[in-house]
Protein backbone atom coordinates (compact mmCIF):
# COMPACT_ATOMS: atom_id res chain seq x y z
CA MET A 1 76.70 6.91 71.04
CA CYS A 2 76.54 7.27 67.22
CA GLY A 3 79.15 8.58 64.80
CA ILE A 4 78.87 11.43 62.31
CA ALA A 5 80.98 12.60 59.39
CA GLY A 6 81.15 15.13 56.58
CA ARG A 7 83.21 15.41 53.42
CA ILE A 8 83.81 18.32 51.02
CA LEU A 9 85.65 18.02 47.68
CA ILE A 10 86.84 20.83 45.42
CA LYS A 11 85.28 19.21 42.35
CA PRO A 12 82.84 16.36 41.71
CA ALA A 13 84.39 12.98 42.50
CA ARG A 14 83.58 9.77 44.40
CA VAL A 15 82.37 11.49 47.53
CA GLY A 16 80.23 8.46 48.31
CA SER A 17 83.30 6.23 48.59
CA ASP A 18 84.96 8.66 51.01
CA LEU A 19 81.85 8.82 53.18
CA VAL A 20 81.62 5.02 53.31
CA ASP A 21 85.23 4.88 54.54
CA LEU A 22 84.51 7.55 57.17
CA MET A 23 81.49 5.66 58.43
CA GLU A 24 82.95 2.16 58.30
CA ALA A 25 85.79 3.44 60.50
CA GLN A 26 83.13 4.43 63.05
CA ARG A 27 81.03 1.27 62.76
CA HIS A 28 81.75 0.47 66.42
CA ARG A 29 79.79 3.58 67.38
CA GLY A 30 76.59 2.01 66.04
CA ALA A 31 75.64 -0.39 63.27
CA ASP A 32 71.87 -0.44 63.81
CA SER A 33 71.68 1.68 60.68
CA THR A 34 73.89 3.81 58.44
CA GLY A 35 72.93 6.69 56.19
CA PHE A 36 74.34 9.19 53.74
CA ALA A 37 73.28 12.64 52.53
CA LEU A 38 74.91 13.00 49.11
CA TYR A 39 75.14 16.14 46.97
CA GLY A 40 75.58 15.52 43.27
CA PRO A 41 75.31 17.77 40.19
CA ALA A 42 72.31 20.06 40.65
CA LEU A 43 69.29 19.84 38.37
CA GLU A 44 68.41 23.01 36.48
CA SER A 45 64.72 22.33 37.13
CA GLY A 46 62.68 19.77 39.02
CA PHE A 47 63.72 17.74 42.03
CA ILE A 48 65.37 14.47 42.93
CA VAL A 49 63.15 12.56 45.36
CA ARG A 50 64.35 9.71 47.52
CA ALA A 51 61.62 7.67 49.23
CA MET A 52 61.21 4.50 51.26
CA ALA A 53 58.35 2.09 50.53
CA ALA A 54 57.37 -0.07 53.51
CA ASP A 55 56.17 -3.12 51.56
CA ARG A 56 57.85 -4.27 48.35
CA ARG A 57 54.71 -6.20 47.37
CA ARG A 58 52.74 -2.93 47.30
CA LEU A 59 55.36 -0.87 45.48
CA SER A 60 53.42 -0.56 42.22
CA ASP A 61 50.26 0.59 44.01
CA ASP A 62 52.22 3.02 46.19
CA LEU A 63 53.99 4.56 43.19
CA THR A 64 50.61 4.99 41.49
CA ALA A 65 49.24 6.78 44.58
CA PHE A 66 52.33 8.99 44.72
CA LEU A 67 52.02 9.81 41.02
CA GLU A 68 48.39 10.85 41.49
CA ILE A 69 49.47 13.30 44.19
CA LEU A 70 52.18 14.66 41.90
CA ARG A 71 49.73 15.22 39.07
CA ASP A 72 47.22 16.86 41.40
CA ASN A 73 49.97 19.40 42.14
CA GLY A 74 51.07 20.09 38.57
CA SER A 75 54.00 17.67 38.59
CA ASP A 76 54.89 14.28 37.11
CA PHE A 77 57.73 11.81 36.84
CA VAL A 78 60.48 13.00 34.48
CA SER A 79 61.45 9.36 33.93
CA ASP A 80 60.48 6.00 35.38
CA PRO A 81 61.42 5.64 39.08
CA THR A 82 64.21 3.23 39.98
CA HIS A 83 64.55 1.13 43.13
CA ASP A 84 66.83 -1.33 44.87
CA ASP A 85 66.38 -5.05 44.17
CA ALA A 86 67.38 -6.42 47.58
CA GLY A 87 65.31 -9.08 49.32
CA THR A 88 64.05 -6.87 52.15
CA ASP A 89 60.41 -5.90 52.67
CA HIS A 90 61.26 -2.19 52.53
CA VAL A 91 62.52 -0.71 49.29
CA SER A 92 64.46 2.47 48.49
CA VAL A 93 63.10 4.43 45.52
CA ARG A 94 64.70 7.21 43.47
CA MET A 95 62.67 9.59 41.27
CA VAL A 96 63.18 12.79 39.34
CA ILE A 97 60.03 14.90 39.27
CA LYS A 98 58.85 18.09 37.65
CA GLU A 99 58.58 21.01 40.05
CA PRO A 100 55.18 21.02 41.82
CA THR A 101 53.09 24.16 41.49
CA HIS A 102 53.09 24.64 45.27
CA PHE A 103 55.96 22.74 46.88
CA ALA A 104 54.78 22.90 50.50
CA GLU A 105 51.24 21.76 49.64
CA TRP A 106 52.52 18.89 47.52
CA SER A 107 54.84 17.83 50.36
CA ARG A 108 51.96 17.96 52.84
CA GLN A 109 49.75 15.79 50.63
CA ALA A 110 52.55 13.30 49.92
CA ASP A 111 53.11 12.88 53.66
CA LEU A 112 49.53 11.64 54.02
CA ILE A 113 50.68 8.27 52.61
CA SER A 114 53.97 8.25 54.56
CA GLU A 115 53.06 5.10 56.52
CA ARG A 116 53.51 3.10 53.35
CA PHE A 117 55.58 5.46 51.14
CA GLU A 118 57.72 8.04 52.96
CA ILE A 119 59.78 10.77 51.32
CA GLN A 120 63.36 10.70 52.63
CA SER A 121 64.71 13.75 50.80
CA VAL A 122 63.88 16.29 48.11
CA GLY A 123 66.38 18.55 46.38
CA ARG A 124 67.98 19.79 43.20
CA SER A 125 71.18 18.10 44.40
CA LEU A 126 70.54 16.22 47.67
CA GLU A 127 69.92 12.48 47.86
CA ILE A 128 69.51 10.82 51.27
CA VAL A 129 70.10 7.07 51.29
CA LYS A 130 69.82 5.19 54.59
CA ASP A 131 69.15 1.64 55.66
CA LEU A 132 69.70 -0.97 58.36
CA GLY A 133 73.22 -2.29 58.93
CA GLY A 134 76.78 -1.03 58.78
CA ALA A 135 78.36 1.25 56.19
CA ASN A 136 79.63 -1.46 53.86
CA GLU A 137 76.31 -3.32 53.85
CA VAL A 138 74.34 -0.17 53.07
CA ALA A 139 76.91 0.91 50.47
CA ASP A 140 76.79 -2.45 48.69
CA LYS A 141 73.00 -2.50 48.65
CA HIS A 142 72.59 1.04 47.31
CA GLY A 143 75.75 1.68 45.27
CA ILE A 144 76.98 4.47 47.52
CA ARG A 145 80.66 4.13 46.61
CA ASP A 146 79.94 5.01 42.98
CA PHE A 147 78.10 8.26 43.80
CA ILE A 148 79.77 11.30 42.21
CA GLY A 149 79.34 14.60 44.01
CA THR A 150 80.97 17.50 45.80
CA HIS A 151 80.04 16.96 49.45
CA GLY A 152 77.93 14.98 51.86
CA LEU A 153 77.21 13.70 55.35
CA GLY A 154 77.31 10.27 56.97
CA HIS A 155 75.88 8.72 60.13
CA ALA A 156 76.30 5.46 62.04
CA ARG A 157 73.48 4.94 64.50
CA LEU A 158 73.21 3.23 67.84
CA ALA A 159 69.49 3.49 68.62
CA THR A 160 68.78 4.59 72.20
CA GLU A 161 65.14 5.74 72.25
CA SER A 162 63.30 5.79 68.92
CA SER A 163 62.73 2.68 66.82
CA VAL A 164 65.29 0.85 64.70
CA SER A 165 63.99 1.20 61.16
CA PRO A 166 65.20 2.57 57.82
CA THR A 167 62.97 5.64 58.17
CA ALA A 168 64.11 6.41 61.74
CA SER A 169 67.74 6.43 60.63
CA HIS A 170 69.92 9.46 59.91
CA PRO A 171 70.45 11.68 57.96
CA PHE A 172 67.20 13.62 58.15
CA TRP A 173 65.77 15.89 55.52
CA ALA A 174 64.67 19.29 56.87
CA ARG A 175 61.06 18.82 55.81
CA PRO A 176 59.81 20.75 53.80
CA PHE A 177 62.98 22.67 52.82
CA PRO A 178 64.75 21.27 49.71
CA ASP A 179 68.43 20.28 49.83
CA ILE A 180 68.92 20.53 53.62
CA ALA A 181 70.10 17.54 55.66
CA ILE A 182 71.43 16.87 59.15
CA VAL A 183 73.32 14.22 61.16
CA HIS A 184 73.49 14.31 64.94
CA ASN A 185 75.33 12.70 67.83
CA GLY A 186 73.70 13.25 71.22
CA GLN A 187 70.33 13.78 72.84
CA ILE A 188 67.88 16.70 72.84
CA THR A 189 66.28 16.90 76.28
CA ASP A 190 63.58 19.48 75.41
CA TYR A 191 62.60 17.60 72.25
CA TYR A 192 58.87 17.38 72.98
CA THR A 193 58.63 21.08 73.89
CA TRP A 194 60.21 22.18 70.62
CA ARG A 195 58.33 19.58 68.58
CA LYS A 196 55.00 20.89 69.87
CA ARG A 197 55.97 24.49 69.05
CA LEU A 198 57.05 23.59 65.54
CA GLU A 199 53.97 21.46 64.91
CA GLN A 200 51.81 24.39 65.99
CA SER A 201 53.59 26.42 63.31
CA GLY A 202 52.62 23.83 60.69
CA TYR A 203 55.71 21.62 60.53
CA ARG A 204 55.45 17.84 60.38
CA PHE A 205 57.64 15.07 61.78
CA MET A 206 57.86 11.54 60.42
CA THR A 207 59.61 9.98 63.44
CA TYR A 208 60.21 10.45 67.15
CA ASN A 209 63.95 10.69 66.58
CA ASP A 210 65.11 13.91 68.26
CA SER A 211 67.63 14.51 65.48
CA GLU A 212 64.83 15.17 63.00
CA LEU A 213 63.84 18.16 65.13
CA ILE A 214 67.22 19.89 64.70
CA ALA A 215 66.99 19.88 60.91
CA VAL A 216 63.56 21.53 60.95
CA TRP A 217 64.50 23.92 63.78
CA ILE A 218 67.58 25.29 61.97
CA SER A 219 65.70 25.61 58.67
CA ASP A 220 62.83 27.40 60.39
CA GLN A 221 65.27 29.91 61.88
CA MET A 222 66.82 30.50 58.45
CA SER A 223 63.35 30.98 56.92
CA LYS A 224 62.89 33.83 59.40
CA GLY A 225 65.98 35.62 58.10
CA LEU A 226 68.90 34.20 60.06
CA SER A 227 71.99 33.04 58.23
CA GLN A 228 73.03 29.44 58.77
CA ALA A 229 75.91 30.63 60.97
CA GLN A 230 73.50 32.69 63.10
CA ALA A 231 71.05 29.79 63.38
CA LEU A 232 73.81 27.43 64.47
CA GLN A 233 74.93 29.85 67.17
CA LYS A 234 71.37 30.37 68.36
CA SER A 235 70.77 26.62 68.64
CA ILE A 236 73.35 26.41 71.43
CA SER A 237 71.36 28.67 73.76
CA GLU A 238 67.87 27.67 72.59
CA ILE A 239 68.08 23.85 72.44
CA ASP A 240 68.77 21.84 75.60
CA GLY A 241 70.83 18.67 75.54
CA VAL A 242 74.23 17.24 74.80
CA PHE A 243 74.79 17.37 71.07
CA THR A 244 77.10 17.80 68.15
CA PHE A 245 75.41 18.04 64.76
CA LEU A 246 76.37 18.68 61.16
CA ILE A 247 73.99 20.38 58.73
CA SER A 248 74.46 20.79 54.99
CA ASN A 249 72.87 22.38 51.95
CA THR A 250 74.03 23.03 48.40
CA GLU A 251 76.17 25.99 49.43
CA SER A 252 77.62 25.15 52.84
CA MET A 253 78.18 22.70 55.68
CA GLY A 254 78.25 23.67 59.34
CA PHE A 255 78.24 22.29 62.86
CA ALA A 256 77.22 23.23 66.39
CA LYS A 257 78.28 21.82 69.77
CA ASP A 258 76.39 22.27 73.02
CA ARG A 259 77.51 24.21 76.10
CA TRP A 260 79.08 21.12 77.74
CA ALA A 261 81.11 19.93 74.72
CA ILE A 262 80.67 16.25 75.56
CA LYS A 263 80.31 14.97 71.99
CA PRO A 264 83.63 15.18 70.07
CA LEU A 265 84.34 16.43 66.56
CA VAL A 266 87.61 16.65 64.60
CA ALA A 267 88.49 17.80 61.10
CA ILE A 268 91.33 17.86 58.61
CA GLU A 269 91.48 20.44 55.83
CA GLU A 270 93.85 20.32 52.88
CA ASN A 271 94.00 22.26 49.59
CA GLY A 272 90.39 23.39 49.84
CA GLU A 273 89.01 19.99 50.79
CA MET A 274 87.80 18.80 54.19
CA ALA A 275 86.85 15.72 56.18
CA VAL A 276 85.17 15.93 59.58
CA ALA A 277 84.10 13.13 61.92
CA THR A 278 83.43 12.13 65.50
CA GLU A 279 86.80 10.38 65.74
CA GLU A 280 90.28 11.20 64.44
CA GLN A 281 90.90 7.65 63.27
CA ALA A 282 88.00 8.13 60.81
CA VAL A 283 89.39 11.25 59.13
CA ARG A 284 92.77 9.49 58.96
CA MET A 285 91.10 7.06 56.56
CA ILE A 286 90.98 10.02 54.14
CA TYR A 287 94.16 11.82 55.18
CA ALA A 288 96.76 9.24 56.19
CA GLY A 289 99.70 11.66 56.26
CA GLU A 290 100.87 14.21 58.81
CA ASN A 291 98.03 16.65 58.22
CA PRO A 292 97.26 18.58 61.41
CA VAL A 293 93.95 17.76 63.05
CA ILE A 294 91.57 20.51 64.10
CA ASN A 295 90.03 19.36 67.37
CA TYR A 296 86.74 21.12 68.03
CA ASP A 297 86.79 20.27 71.73
CA GLY A 298 85.48 23.45 73.32
CA PRO A 299 81.96 24.33 74.49
CA SER A 300 79.45 26.27 72.39
CA MET A 301 81.47 25.95 69.20
CA THR A 302 80.19 26.44 65.67
CA ASN A 303 81.76 26.64 62.23
CA THR A 304 80.58 26.89 58.64
CA TRP A 305 82.43 25.76 55.53
CA GLN A 306 81.29 27.46 52.30
CA ILE A 307 81.20 24.92 49.49
CA LYS A 308 81.70 27.36 46.61
CA SER A 309 84.62 29.17 48.23
CA LEU A 310 86.32 25.86 48.95
CA ARG A 311 85.95 24.79 45.31
CA ASN A 312 87.40 28.09 44.13
CA ALA A 313 90.31 27.85 46.57
CA ALA A 314 91.94 24.99 44.69
């Protein structure tokens, strides 16, 4: 079932708090896990890395191994990593790193230790935070409500096929493209066909969650010269399944719906800002007035919101 949401602000503010409200309103659609893709002020150089360590008792050793890979690729920690202090075995880690000499090769090497220390996102601006439980539980554990940024995505998951774990949760980073994230409601029926094709082209997948495929597929299309809008439109005819997904980067946020339009999506826009979600009652948590709702209920629909133009519209 699952629930998805997106939020765009005209200037940096508590976007995390808005996304928590959007997702808590859709908790009934799945509370196996909840996640957020948050876009804060962009670094001028280097990257923000979010990672998940599988065993808190091994965290020091895993950070040492990760640091060795960074240094082998001309990078290093800019400052000491920080992590959550909850009582779970898994632990969420945040780092700021110097830019590796060869980003793709560093990412490939870092993924070799993903069974114990998995990268969740890399970007100048993007930070993906996801964990088990509902929106409020994840927000309290990771301080989501205090996050200041311009836009972001949210996801409430009801697991249907792949495992229930922090790393199998949404959003997904479009490995290995910085600052690109996706949330998805639906099912991709030709998942294994596309996964094999992409793996043959050198891409890697950390889970068997079909949503991870969409993020890499769209980014691969854009790397070949398509605009995001063109890639979204192409996904409707190229990918089989019933789906509605949101994808974001530092400049824009967009969505695509399949040819059968089974998975709903609604939005409210006001004064250059926007909230979008699976259900109207969720966006009404942000806009409680008489704002008209845009109901994207037709088949094969796409749309793209440009972040910079929305900021300038205010």
